C-alpha atoms as a PDB file:
ATOM      1  CA  UNK A   1     -27.835 -21.430 -12.958  1.00  0.00           C
ATOM      2  CA  UNK A   2     -24.611 -21.131 -10.953  1.00  0.00           C
ATOM      3  CA  UNK A   3     -22.464 -18.041 -11.244  1.00  0.00           C
ATOM      4  CA  UNK A   4     -19.759 -19.841 -13.215  1.00  0.00           C
ATOM      5  CA  UNK A   5     -22.252 -21.246 -15.747  1.00  0.00           C
ATOM      6  CA  UNK A   6     -23.922 -17.863 -16.074  1.00  0.00           C
ATOM      7  CA  UNK A   7     -20.576 -16.173 -16.750  1.00  0.00           C
ATOM      8  CA  UNK A   8     -19.682 -18.864 -19.273  1.00  0.00           C
ATOM      9  CA  UNK A   9     -22.922 -18.345 -21.164  1.00  0.00           C
ATOM     10  CA  UNK A  10     -22.417 -14.568 -21.173  1.00  0.00           C
ATOM     11  CA  UNK A  11     -18.901 -15.006 -22.531  1.00  0.00           C
ATOM     12  CA  UNK A  12     -20.163 -17.334 -25.270  1.00  0.00           C
ATOM     13  CA  UNK A  13     -22.612 -14.665 -26.393  1.00  0.00           C
ATOM     14  CA  UNK A  14     -19.842 -12.071 -26.291  1.00  0.00           C
ATOM     15  CA  UNK A  15     -17.590 -14.286 -28.411  1.00  0.00           C
ATOM     16  CA  UNK A  16     -20.278 -14.750 -31.037  1.00  0.00           C
ATOM     17  CA  UNK A  17     -20.756 -10.973 -31.097  1.00  0.00           C
ATOM     18  CA  UNK A  18     -17.031 -10.673 -31.756  1.00  0.00           C
ATOM     19  CA  UNK A  19     -17.245 -13.080 -34.670  1.00  0.00           C
ATOM     20  CA  UNK A  20     -15.947 -16.172 -32.875  1.00  0.00           C
ATOM     21  CA  UNK A  21     -17.982 -19.370 -33.263  1.00  0.00           C
ATOM     22  CA  UNK A  22     -18.014 -20.688 -29.743  1.00  0.00           C
ATOM     23  CA  UNK A  23     -18.849 -24.245 -30.874  1.00  0.00           C
ATOM     24  CA  UNK A  24     -15.825 -24.627 -33.135  1.00  0.00           C
ATOM     25  CA  UNK A  25     -13.221 -21.978 -32.455  1.00  0.00           C
ATOM     26  CA  UNK A  26     -13.307 -21.751 -28.680  1.00  0.00           C
ATOM     27  CA  UNK A  27     -10.942 -24.566 -27.798  1.00  0.00           C
ATOM     28  CA  UNK A  28     -10.508 -23.622 -24.175  1.00  0.00           C
ATOM     29  CA  UNK A  29     -12.395 -21.757 -21.507  1.00  0.00           C
ATOM     30  CA  UNK A  30     -10.492 -21.545 -18.276  1.00  0.00           C
ATOM     31  CA  UNK A  31     -10.182 -19.567 -15.090  1.00  0.00           C
ATOM     32  CA  UNK A  32      -6.932 -18.321 -13.710  1.00  0.00           C
ATOM     33  CA  UNK A  33      -6.814 -17.538  -9.980  1.00  0.00           C
ATOM     34  CA  UNK A  34      -4.015 -15.165  -9.044  1.00  0.00           C
ATOM     35  CA  UNK A  35      -2.599 -13.811  -5.779  1.00  0.00           C
ATOM     36  CA  UNK A  36      -2.862 -10.360  -7.285  1.00  0.00           C
ATOM     37  CA  UNK A  37      -5.974  -8.330  -7.972  1.00  0.00           C
ATOM     38  CA  UNK A  38      -7.363 -10.009 -11.062  1.00  0.00           C
ATOM     39  CA  UNK A  39      -9.205 -13.072 -12.213  1.00  0.00           C
ATOM     40  CA  UNK A  40      -8.817 -13.822 -15.894  1.00  0.00           C
ATOM     41  CA  UNK A  41     -11.261 -15.501 -18.238  1.00  0.00           C
ATOM     42  CA  UNK A  42      -9.605 -16.804 -21.404  1.00  0.00           C
ATOM     43  CA  UNK A  43     -11.347 -18.151 -24.499  1.00  0.00           C
ATOM     44  CA  UNK A  44      -9.689 -19.542 -27.617  1.00  0.00           C
ATOM     45  CA  UNK A  45      -6.176 -20.728 -28.376  1.00  0.00           C
ATOM     46  CA  UNK A  46      -3.569 -18.097 -29.099  1.00  0.00           C
ATOM     47  CA  UNK A  47      -1.744 -19.774 -31.968  1.00  0.00           C
ATOM     48  CA  UNK A  48      -0.119 -16.497 -32.929  1.00  0.00           C
ATOM     49  CA  UNK A  49      -1.273 -12.930 -33.346  1.00  0.00           C
ATOM     50  CA  UNK A  50      -0.150  -9.772 -35.139  1.00  0.00           C
ATOM     51  CA  UNK A  51      -2.348  -7.266 -33.314  1.00  0.00           C
ATOM     52  CA  UNK A  52      -3.800  -6.756 -29.835  1.00  0.00           C
ATOM     53  CA  UNK A  53      -6.875  -4.610 -29.295  1.00  0.00           C
ATOM     54  CA  UNK A  54      -7.344  -3.482 -25.711  1.00  0.00           C
ATOM     55  CA  UNK A  55     -10.634  -2.403 -24.170  1.00  0.00           C
ATOM     56  CA  UNK A  56      -9.986  -0.728 -20.805  1.00  0.00           C
ATOM     57  CA  UNK A  57      -6.725   0.219 -19.103  1.00  0.00           C
ATOM     58  CA  UNK A  58      -5.027  -2.595 -17.080  1.00  0.00           C
ATOM     59  CA  UNK A  59      -2.832  -0.048 -15.287  1.00  0.00           C
ATOM     60  CA  UNK A  60      -5.921   1.697 -13.926  1.00  0.00           C
ATOM     61  CA  UNK A  61      -9.016  -0.478 -14.346  1.00  0.00           C
ATOM     62  CA  UNK A  62      -9.723  -3.870 -12.830  1.00  0.00           C
ATOM     63  CA  UNK A  63     -12.051  -4.807 -15.697  1.00  0.00           C
ATOM     64  CA  UNK A  64     -10.539  -4.940 -19.177  1.00  0.00           C
ATOM     65  CA  UNK A  65     -10.502  -7.139 -22.277  1.00  0.00           C
ATOM     66  CA  UNK A  66      -7.683  -8.024 -24.674  1.00  0.00           C
ATOM     67  CA  UNK A  67      -8.582  -9.180 -28.198  1.00  0.00           C
ATOM     68  CA  UNK A  68      -5.737 -11.050 -29.933  1.00  0.00           C
ATOM     69  CA  UNK A  69      -6.001 -10.738 -33.736  1.00  0.00           C
ATOM     70  CA  UNK A  70      -4.285 -12.610 -36.564  1.00  0.00           C
ATOM     71  CA  UNK A  71      -4.763 -11.226 -40.043  1.00  0.00           C
ATOM     72  CA  UNK A  72      -7.765  -9.320 -38.816  1.00  0.00           C
ATOM     73  CA  UNK A  73      -9.455 -12.386 -37.284  1.00  0.00           C
ATOM     74  CA  UNK A  74      -9.895 -12.782 -33.542  1.00  0.00           C
ATOM     75  CA  UNK A  75      -8.036 -15.819 -32.269  1.00  0.00           C
ATOM     76  CA  UNK A  76      -8.275 -15.352 -28.497  1.00  0.00           C
ATOM     77  CA  UNK A  77     -10.008 -13.164 -25.917  1.00  0.00           C
ATOM     78  CA  UNK A  78      -8.557 -12.528 -22.463  1.00  0.00           C
ATOM     79  CA  UNK A  79     -10.963 -10.816 -20.097  1.00  0.00           C
ATOM     80  CA  UNK A  80     -10.408  -9.625 -16.529  1.00  0.00           C
ATOM     81  CA  UNK A  81     -13.483  -9.671 -14.339  1.00  0.00           C
ATOM     82  CA  UNK A  82     -11.908  -7.618 -11.595  1.00  0.00           C
ATOM     83  CA  UNK A  83     -10.699  -8.053  -8.064  1.00  0.00           C
ATOM     84  CA  UNK A  84     -14.067  -8.717  -6.509  1.00  0.00           C
ATOM     85  CA  UNK A  85     -13.644 -12.463  -7.092  1.00  0.00           C
ATOM     86  CA  UNK A  86      -9.963 -12.763  -6.206  1.00  0.00           C
ATOM     87  CA  UNK A  87      -8.949 -14.627  -3.094  1.00  0.00           C
ATOM     88  CA  UNK A  88      -6.898 -13.193  -0.231  1.00  0.00           C
ATOM     89  CA  UNK A  89      -4.141 -15.684   0.650  1.00  0.00           C
ATOM     90  CA  UNK A  90      -4.241 -16.821   4.257  1.00  0.00           C
ATOM     91  CA  UNK A  91      -0.521 -16.063   4.548  1.00  0.00           C
ATOM     92  CA  UNK A  92      -1.316 -12.343   4.624  1.00  0.00           C
ATOM     93  CA  UNK A  93      -2.869 -12.847   8.064  1.00  0.00           C
ATOM     94  CA  UNK A  94       0.187 -14.477   9.612  1.00  0.00           C
ATOM     95  CA  UNK A  95       2.693 -13.120  12.103  1.00  0.00           C
ATOM     96  CA  UNK A  96       6.232 -12.587  10.809  1.00  0.00           C
ATOM     97  CA  UNK A  97       9.572 -11.447  12.173  1.00  0.00           C
ATOM     98  CA  UNK A  98       8.587  -7.782  11.905  1.00  0.00           C
ATOM     99  CA  UNK A  99       4.790  -8.090  11.967  1.00  0.00           C
ATOM    100  CA  UNK A 100       4.594  -9.321  15.558  1.00  0.00           C
ATOM    101  CA  UNK A 101       0.818  -9.304  15.620  1.00  0.00           C
ATOM    102  CA  UNK A 102       0.592 -11.446  18.763  1.00  0.00           C
ATOM    103  CA  UNK A 103       2.499  -8.908  20.857  1.00  0.00           C
ATOM    104  CA  UNK A 104       0.350  -7.470  23.651  1.00  0.00           C
ATOM    105  CA  UNK A 105       1.072  -3.891  22.624  1.00  0.00           C
ATOM    106  CA  UNK A 106       0.021  -4.527  19.035  1.00  0.00           C
ATOM    107  CA  UNK A 107      -3.175  -6.312  20.043  1.00  0.00           C
ATOM    108  CA  UNK A 108      -4.069  -3.636  22.599  1.00  0.00           C
ATOM    109  CA  UNK A 109      -3.466  -0.818  20.121  1.00  0.00           C
ATOM    110  CA  UNK A 110      -5.563  -2.535  17.460  1.00  0.00           C
ATOM    111  CA  UNK A 111      -8.451  -3.228  19.824  1.00  0.00           C
ATOM    112  CA  UNK A 112      -8.495   0.345  21.135  1.00  0.00           C
ATOM    113  CA  UNK A 113      -8.396   1.826  17.626  1.00  0.00           C
ATOM    114  CA  UNK A 114     -11.133  -0.452  16.270  1.00  0.00           C
ATOM    115  CA  UNK A 115     -13.552   0.157  19.123  1.00  0.00           C
ATOM    116  CA  UNK A 116     -17.054  -0.808  18.051  1.00  0.00           C
ATOM    117  CA  UNK A 117     -16.286  -1.031  14.318  1.00  0.00           C
ATOM    118  CA  UNK A 118     -17.715  -4.240  12.885  1.00  0.00           C
ATOM    119  CA  UNK A 119     -16.766  -4.411   9.201  1.00  0.00           C
ATOM    120  CA  UNK A 120     -13.281  -4.755   7.726  1.00  0.00           C
ATOM    121  CA  UNK A 121     -13.775  -1.409   5.995  1.00  0.00           C
ATOM    122  CA  UNK A 122     -14.634   0.384   9.243  1.00  0.00           C
ATOM    123  CA  UNK A 123     -11.816  -1.330  11.116  1.00  0.00           C
ATOM    124  CA  UNK A 124      -9.243  -0.471   8.434  1.00  0.00           C
ATOM    125  CA  UNK A 125     -10.261   3.195   8.381  1.00  0.00           C
ATOM    126  CA  UNK A 126      -9.867   3.505  12.160  1.00  0.00           C
ATOM    127  CA  UNK A 127      -6.577   1.592  12.203  1.00  0.00           C
ATOM    128  CA  UNK A 128      -5.186   3.762   9.410  1.00  0.00           C
ATOM    129  CA  UNK A 129      -6.108   6.972  11.234  1.00  0.00           C
ATOM    130  CA  UNK A 130      -4.664   5.712  14.512  1.00  0.00           C
ATOM    131  CA  UNK A 131      -1.308   4.751  12.968  1.00  0.00           C
ATOM    132  CA  UNK A 132      -1.148   7.951  10.919  1.00  0.00           C
ATOM    133  CA  UNK A 133      -1.699  10.293  13.865  1.00  0.00           C
ATOM    134  CA  UNK A 134      -0.412   8.440  16.923  1.00  0.00           C
ATOM    135  CA  UNK A 135       3.052   7.742  15.513  1.00  0.00           C
ATOM    136  CA  UNK A 136       4.861  10.946  14.549  1.00  0.00           C
ATOM    137  CA  UNK A 137       6.548  10.869  11.155  1.00  0.00           C
ATOM    138  CA  UNK A 138      10.292  11.339  11.674  1.00  0.00           C
ATOM    139  CA  UNK A 139      12.545  10.841   8.623  1.00  0.00           C
ATOM    140  CA  UNK A 140      15.620  11.122  10.859  1.00  0.00           C
ATOM    141  CA  UNK A 141      14.735   7.973  12.787  1.00  0.00           C
ATOM    142  CA  UNK A 142      16.207   5.612  10.172  1.00  0.00           C
ATOM    143  CA  UNK A 143      17.984   2.758  11.925  1.00  0.00           C
ATOM    144  CA  UNK A 144      19.914  -0.335  10.877  1.00  0.00           C
ATOM    145  CA  UNK A 145      18.768  -2.245  13.977  1.00  0.00           C
ATOM    146  CA  UNK A 146      16.198  -4.879  12.897  1.00  0.00           C
ATOM    147  CA  UNK A 147      14.473  -4.666  16.284  1.00  0.00           C
ATOM    148  CA  UNK A 148      13.493  -1.067  15.513  1.00  0.00           C
ATOM    149  CA  UNK A 149      11.339  -2.217  12.620  1.00  0.00           C
ATOM    150  CA  UNK A 150       9.054  -4.517  14.583  1.00  0.00           C
ATOM    151  CA  UNK A 151       5.506  -3.232  14.987  1.00  0.00           C
ATOM    152  CA  UNK A 152       5.703  -3.433  18.771  1.00  0.00           C
ATOM    153  CA  UNK A 153       8.835  -1.265  18.847  1.00  0.00           C
ATOM    154  CA  UNK A 154       7.247   1.340  16.575  1.00  0.00           C
ATOM    155  CA  UNK A 155       4.440   1.691  19.106  1.00  0.00           C
ATOM    156  CA  UNK A 156       6.945   1.998  21.945  1.00  0.00           C
ATOM    157  CA  UNK A 157       9.007   4.643  20.135  1.00  0.00           C
ATOM    158  CA  UNK A 158       6.060   6.794  19.074  1.00  0.00           C
ATOM    159  CA  UNK A 159       8.088   8.154  16.144  1.00  0.00           C
ATOM    160  CA  UNK A 160       9.117   6.504  12.886  1.00  0.00           C
ATOM    161  CA  UNK A 161       9.647   7.106   9.210  1.00  0.00           C
ATOM    162  CA  UNK A 162       7.360   5.708   6.519  1.00  0.00           C
ATOM    163  CA  UNK A 163       8.684   2.119   6.482  1.00  0.00           C
ATOM    164  CA  UNK A 164       8.132   1.303  10.184  1.00  0.00           C
ATOM    165  CA  UNK A 165       4.764   3.087  10.094  1.00  0.00           C
ATOM    166  CA  UNK A 166       3.713   0.865   7.186  1.00  0.00           C
ATOM    167  CA  UNK A 167       4.920  -2.143   9.180  1.00  0.00           C
ATOM    168  CA  UNK A 168       2.717  -1.078  12.086  1.00  0.00           C
ATOM    169  CA  UNK A 169      -0.390  -0.527   9.956  1.00  0.00           C
ATOM    170  CA  UNK A 170       0.105  -3.864   8.208  1.00  0.00           C
ATOM    171  CA  UNK A 171       0.556  -5.614  11.555  1.00  0.00           C
ATOM    172  CA  UNK A 172      -2.501  -4.154  13.275  1.00  0.00           C
ATOM    173  CA  UNK A 173      -4.647  -4.920  10.238  1.00  0.00           C
ATOM    174  CA  UNK A 174      -3.529  -8.555  10.306  1.00  0.00           C
ATOM    175  CA  UNK A 175      -4.174  -8.588  14.046  1.00  0.00           C
ATOM    176  CA  UNK A 176      -7.732  -7.445  13.287  1.00  0.00           C
ATOM    177  CA  UNK A 177      -8.230 -10.206  10.713  1.00  0.00           C
ATOM    178  CA  UNK A 178      -7.721  -7.980   7.655  1.00  0.00           C
ATOM    179  CA  UNK A 179      -5.282  -9.490   5.101  1.00  0.00           C
ATOM    180  CA  UNK A 180      -2.435  -7.035   4.640  1.00  0.00           C
ATOM    181  CA  UNK A 181       0.970  -6.836   2.998  1.00  0.00           C
ATOM    182  CA  UNK A 182       3.788  -4.310   2.663  1.00  0.00           C
ATOM    183  CA  UNK A 183       4.313  -2.225  -0.462  1.00  0.00           C
ATOM    184  CA  UNK A 184       7.129   0.072  -1.530  1.00  0.00           C
ATOM    185  CA  UNK A 185       7.734   2.764  -4.112  1.00  0.00           C
ATOM    186  CA  UNK A 186      10.317   5.424  -4.887  1.00  0.00           C
ATOM    187  CA  UNK A 187       8.836   8.920  -4.526  1.00  0.00           C
ATOM    188  CA  UNK A 188      10.034  12.462  -4.982  1.00  0.00           C
ATOM    189  CA  UNK A 189       9.081  14.824  -2.143  1.00  0.00           C
ATOM    190  CA  UNK A 190       9.164  18.432  -3.309  1.00  0.00           C
ATOM    191  CA  UNK A 191       8.413  19.873   0.152  1.00  0.00           C
ATOM    192  CA  UNK A 192      11.270  18.539   2.250  1.00  0.00           C
ATOM    193  CA  UNK A 193      13.252  20.768   4.596  1.00  0.00           C
ATOM    194  CA  UNK A 194      16.761  21.994   3.841  1.00  0.00           C
ATOM    195  CA  UNK A 195      18.109  19.987   6.770  1.00  0.00           C
ATOM    196  CA  UNK A 196      16.586  16.770   5.439  1.00  0.00           C
ATOM    197  CA  UNK A 197      17.779  17.438   1.908  1.00  0.00           C
ATOM    198  CA  UNK A 198      21.300  17.955   3.247  1.00  0.00           C
ATOM    199  CA  UNK A 199      21.092  14.731   5.283  1.00  0.00           C
ATOM    200  CA  UNK A 200      20.001  12.915   2.104  1.00  0.00           C
ATOM    201  CA  UNK A 201      22.953  14.161   0.099  1.00  0.00           C
ATOM    202  CA  UNK A 202      21.074  16.897  -1.759  1.00  0.00           C
ATOM    203  CA  UNK A 203      18.358  14.746  -3.327  1.00  0.00           C
ATOM    204  CA  UNK A 204      14.589  14.816  -2.866  1.00  0.00           C
ATOM    205  CA  UNK A 205      14.174  11.196  -3.983  1.00  0.00           C
ATOM    206  CA  UNK A 206      12.915   8.874  -1.242  1.00  0.00           C
ATOM    207  CA  UNK A 207      13.689   5.258  -2.118  1.00  0.00           C
ATOM    208  CA  UNK A 208      11.586   2.432  -0.681  1.00  0.00           C
ATOM    209  CA  UNK A 209       8.784   4.680   0.547  1.00  0.00           C
ATOM    210  CA  UNK A 210       6.588   2.323   2.552  1.00  0.00           C
ATOM    211  CA  UNK A 211       2.845   1.818   2.415  1.00  0.00           C
ATOM    212  CA  UNK A 212       0.363  -0.916   3.322  1.00  0.00           C
ATOM    213  CA  UNK A 213      -1.693  -2.973   0.896  1.00  0.00           C
ATOM    214  CA  UNK A 214      -4.997  -3.948   2.540  1.00  0.00           C
ATOM    215  CA  UNK A 215      -7.546  -6.508   1.338  1.00  0.00           C
ATOM    216  CA  UNK A 216     -11.006  -5.024   1.860  1.00  0.00           C
ATOM    217  CA  UNK A 217     -14.249  -6.241   0.325  1.00  0.00           C
ATOM    218  CA  UNK A 218     -12.439  -8.320  -2.267  1.00  0.00           C
ATOM    219  CA  UNK A 219      -9.931  -5.678  -3.377  1.00  0.00           C
ATOM    220  CA  UNK A 220      -6.340  -4.770  -2.547  1.00  0.00           C
ATOM    221  CA  UNK A 221      -6.071  -1.084  -1.614  1.00  0.00           C
ATOM    222  CA  UNK A 222      -2.938   0.990  -0.990  1.00  0.00           C
ATOM    223  CA  UNK A 223      -2.813   3.042   2.204  1.00  0.00           C
ATOM    224  CA  UNK A 224       0.006   5.413   3.180  1.00  0.00           C
ATOM    225  CA  UNK A 225      -0.092   6.336   6.902  1.00  0.00           C
ATOM    226  CA  UNK A 226       3.237   8.198   6.890  1.00  0.00           C
ATOM    227  CA  UNK A 227       2.434  11.886   7.522  1.00  0.00           C
ATOM    228  CA  UNK A 228       0.480  12.600  10.686  1.00  0.00           C
ATOM    229  CA  UNK A 229      -2.147  15.357  10.653  1.00  0.00           C
ATOM    230  CA  UNK A 230      -0.193  17.912  12.688  1.00  0.00           C
ATOM    231  CA  UNK A 231       2.884  17.534  10.500  1.00  0.00           C
ATOM    232  CA  UNK A 232       0.757  17.980   7.372  1.00  0.00           C
ATOM    233  CA  UNK A 233      -0.558  21.251   8.809  1.00  0.00           C
ATOM    234  CA  UNK A 234       3.007  22.492   9.258  1.00  0.00           C
ATOM    235  CA  UNK A 235       3.699  21.907   5.561  1.00  0.00           C
ATOM    236  CA  UNK A 236       0.351  23.186   4.325  1.00  0.00           C
ATOM    237  CA  UNK A 237      -0.819  19.876   2.851  1.00  0.00           C
ATOM    238  CA  UNK A 238      -4.022  18.000   3.707  1.00  0.00           C
ATOM    239  CA  UNK A 239      -3.556  14.711   5.535  1.00  0.00           C
ATOM    240  CA  UNK A 240      -4.038  11.547   3.518  1.00  0.00           C
ATOM    241  CA  UNK A 241      -7.485  10.120   4.245  1.00  0.00           C
ATOM    242  CA  UNK A 242      -8.425   6.468   3.790  1.00  0.00           C
ATOM    243  CA  UNK A 243     -12.065   5.642   3.038  1.00  0.00           C
ATOM    244  CA  UNK A 244     -11.737   1.883   2.650  1.00  0.00           C
ATOM    245  CA  UNK A 245     -12.792   2.079  -0.996  1.00  0.00           C
ATOM    246  CA  UNK A 246      -9.950   3.859  -2.787  1.00  0.00           C
ATOM    247  CA  UNK A 247      -6.154   3.962  -2.629  1.00  0.00           C
ATOM    248  CA  UNK A 248      -4.858   6.491  -0.103  1.00  0.00           C
ATOM    249  CA  UNK A 249      -1.591   7.799  -1.538  1.00  0.00           C
ATOM    250  CA  UNK A 250       0.446  10.919  -0.866  1.00  0.00           C
ATOM    251  CA  UNK A 251      -1.033  14.066  -2.410  1.00  0.00           C
ATOM    252  CA  UNK A 252       0.548  15.247  -5.639  1.00  0.00           C
ATOM    253  CA  UNK A 253       0.061  18.925  -4.722  1.00  0.00           C
ATOM    254  CA  UNK A 254      -0.128  21.071  -1.603  1.00  0.00           C
ATOM    255  CA  UNK A 255      -3.136  23.283  -0.838  1.00  0.00           C
ATOM    256  CA  UNK A 256      -1.540  26.264  -2.636  1.00  0.00           C
ATOM    257  CA  UNK A 257      -0.864  24.261  -5.796  1.00  0.00           C
ATOM    258  CA  UNK A 258       2.805  23.621  -5.038  1.00  0.00           C
ATOM    259  CA  UNK A 259       3.983  20.230  -6.210  1.00  0.00           C
ATOM    260  CA  UNK A 260       4.287  17.861  -3.259  1.00  0.00           C
ATOM    261  CA  UNK A 261       4.735  14.158  -3.923  1.00  0.00           C
ATOM    262  CA  UNK A 262       5.589  12.394  -7.164  1.00  0.00           C
ATOM    263  CA  UNK A 263       5.584   8.594  -7.479  1.00  0.00           C
ATOM    264  CA  UNK A 264       8.566   7.491  -9.551  1.00  0.00           C
ATOM    265  CA  UNK A 265       8.870   3.711  -9.333  1.00  0.00           C
ATOM    266  CA  UNK A 266       6.948   0.811  -7.801  1.00  0.00           C
ATOM    267  CA  UNK A 267       9.063  -1.783  -5.983  1.00  0.00           C
ATOM    268  CA  UNK A 268       6.317  -4.330  -5.361  1.00  0.00           C
ATOM    269  CA  UNK A 269       4.494  -5.871  -2.406  1.00  0.00           C
ATOM    270  CA  UNK A 270       5.894  -8.230   0.216  1.00  0.00           C
ATOM    271  CA  UNK A 271       4.673 -10.691   2.838  1.00  0.00           C
ATOM    272  CA  UNK A 272       7.219  -9.354   5.336  1.00  0.00           C
ATOM    273  CA  UNK A 273       9.678  -6.470   5.507  1.00  0.00           C
ATOM    274  CA  UNK A 274      12.639  -6.883   3.083  1.00  0.00           C
ATOM    275  CA  UNK A 275      14.887  -4.994   5.493  1.00  0.00           C
ATOM    276  CA  UNK A 276      18.246  -6.070   4.064  1.00  0.00           C
ATOM    277  CA  UNK A 277      17.279  -4.825   0.596  1.00  0.00           C
ATOM    278  CA  UNK A 278      15.932  -1.563   2.003  1.00  0.00           C
ATOM    279  CA  UNK A 279      19.033  -0.788   4.060  1.00  0.00           C
ATOM    280  CA  UNK A 280      21.318  -1.639   1.143  1.00  0.00           C
ATOM    281  CA  UNK A 281      19.407   0.745  -1.123  1.00  0.00           C
ATOM    282  CA  UNK A 282      19.421   3.491   1.518  1.00  0.00           C
ATOM    283  CA  UNK A 283      23.197   3.211   1.867  1.00  0.00           C
ATOM    284  CA  UNK A 284      23.719   3.202  -1.900  1.00  0.00           C
ATOM    285  CA  UNK A 285      21.479   6.243  -2.382  1.00  0.00           C
ATOM    286  CA  UNK A 286      22.235   8.379   0.676  1.00  0.00           C
ATOM    287  CA  UNK A 287      25.607   7.202   1.943  1.00  0.00           C
ATOM    288  CA  UNK A 288      25.980   7.617   5.725  1.00  0.00           C
ATOM    289  CA  UNK A 289      22.399   8.755   6.423  1.00  0.00           C
ATOM    290  CA  UNK A 290      21.583   5.635   8.437  1.00  0.00           C
ATOM    291  CA  UNK A 291      24.578   6.121  10.693  1.00  0.00           C
ATOM    292  CA  UNK A 292      24.050   9.872  11.180  1.00  0.00           C
ATOM    293  CA  UNK A 293      20.326   9.739  12.000  1.00  0.00           C
ATOM    294  CA  UNK A 294      21.060   9.851  15.728  1.00  0.00           C
ATOM    295  CA  UNK A 295      22.493  13.384  15.381  1.00  0.00           C
ATOM    296  CA  UNK A 296      19.818  15.897  16.473  1.00  0.00           C
ATOM    297  CA  UNK A 297      18.161  18.088  13.849  1.00  0.00           C
ATOM    298  CA  UNK A 298      15.841  21.021  14.506  1.00  0.00           C
ATOM    299  CA  UNK A 299      13.240  21.473  11.772  1.00  0.00           C
ATOM    300  CA  UNK A 300       9.527  20.958  11.090  1.00  0.00           C
ATOM    301  CA  UNK A 301       9.905  17.192  11.289  1.00  0.00           C
ATOM    302  CA  UNK A 302      11.496  17.130  14.742  1.00  0.00           C
ATOM    303  CA  UNK A 303       9.800  19.940  16.661  1.00  0.00           C
ATOM    304  CA  UNK A 304       7.845  18.408  19.485  1.00  0.00           C
ATOM    305  CA  UNK A 305       4.163  17.962  18.608  1.00  0.00           C
ATOM    306  CA  UNK A 306       1.662  19.791  20.794  1.00  0.00           C
ATOM    307  CA  UNK A 307      -0.377  16.653  21.443  1.00  0.00           C
ATOM    308  CA  UNK A 308      -1.375  13.280  20.136  1.00  0.00           C
ATOM    309  CA  UNK A 309      -4.857  11.827  19.998  1.00  0.00           C
ATOM    310  CA  UNK A 310      -5.321   8.285  21.218  1.00  0.00           C
ATOM    311  CA  UNK A 311      -7.760   5.797  19.736  1.00  0.00           C
ATOM    312  CA  UNK A 312     -10.233   6.711  22.461  1.00  0.00           C
ATOM    313  CA  UNK A 313     -10.212  10.354  21.289  1.00  0.00           C
ATOM    314  CA  UNK A 314      -8.242  11.634  24.287  1.00  0.00           C
ATOM    315  CA  UNK A 315      -5.502  14.186  23.689  1.00  0.00           C
ATOM    316  CA  UNK A 316      -2.109  13.298  25.108  1.00  0.00           C
ATOM    317  CA  UNK A 317       1.322  14.852  25.257  1.00  0.00           C
ATOM    318  CA  UNK A 318       3.958  13.393  22.979  1.00  0.00           C
ATOM    319  CA  UNK A 319       7.486  12.127  23.459  1.00  0.00           C
ATOM    320  CA  UNK A 320      10.400  14.303  22.434  1.00  0.00           C
ATOM    321  CA  UNK A 321      12.630  13.089  19.610  1.00  0.00           C
ATOM    322  CA  UNK A 322      15.355  12.192  22.094  1.00  0.00           C
ATOM    323  CA  UNK A 323      12.992  10.206  24.303  1.00  0.00           C
ATOM    324  CA  UNK A 324      11.715   8.248  21.347  1.00  0.00           C
ATOM    325  CA  UNK A 325      15.129   7.086  20.162  1.00  0.00           C
END
């Protein structure tokens, strides 16, 4: 029996267990392929309902079931069977204006980071670590020049804030044949420096925080390569680790229990960088920050790192903030 027939039979048994006669009441049985993380199995016709009973949590789980009830009788069942059967659109492997995956620098970086890794999971882990630690996180490097947001430029600069670093990780993953897209969220960073808070107009809210969304083993996973390991040590927080199986998001708390990062609002995922929208929001939220980023600042974010580790494991000196801009 094919997988589809087997699943259909199992659903029919489940419907009978729920009190639905599959021969008479199940008017439709259809599959709904989506670009997102779910595949839905729907049985019955929803001709109106006054109650919904939910098994599972759609905001957290990839497997859940919704029972639509009318006067206590089940009229339709909508069941997610998870991301393992969803399809990764080919478009998430393409080069774009900012994801210049065919650039020699991008291809060389990706190849060196991947090394002898053979699976998408292994490749993604190594690419994440390379982007996280080889490009220094610098929140003062915000620019309104589109060229500065291309993956190849981020490699050349050696310093970037979260958005260009997410661009780089997304680009090198696509270069390695791993479907990838850009994601954004508003976050509150409780461990920023006084100089950065002043530059941001007194707020600790970071709008359009960038991360990568990577398609690995049939699932979309979030990966945030923003804070490099040495910078994390300066702030007393562990670096974000990506294992290729779970989302890798900023830690909610530092090692001493101090609140660190708080996710406030999701802004969605994108095929390419929505730079115009990002810059407009930065100007609305922070005023002249984009135009004053070239002014030197001396704090934990800008002090020259002692070294950087290349994808081959070699330790190298790093560029100064001035050299990188």
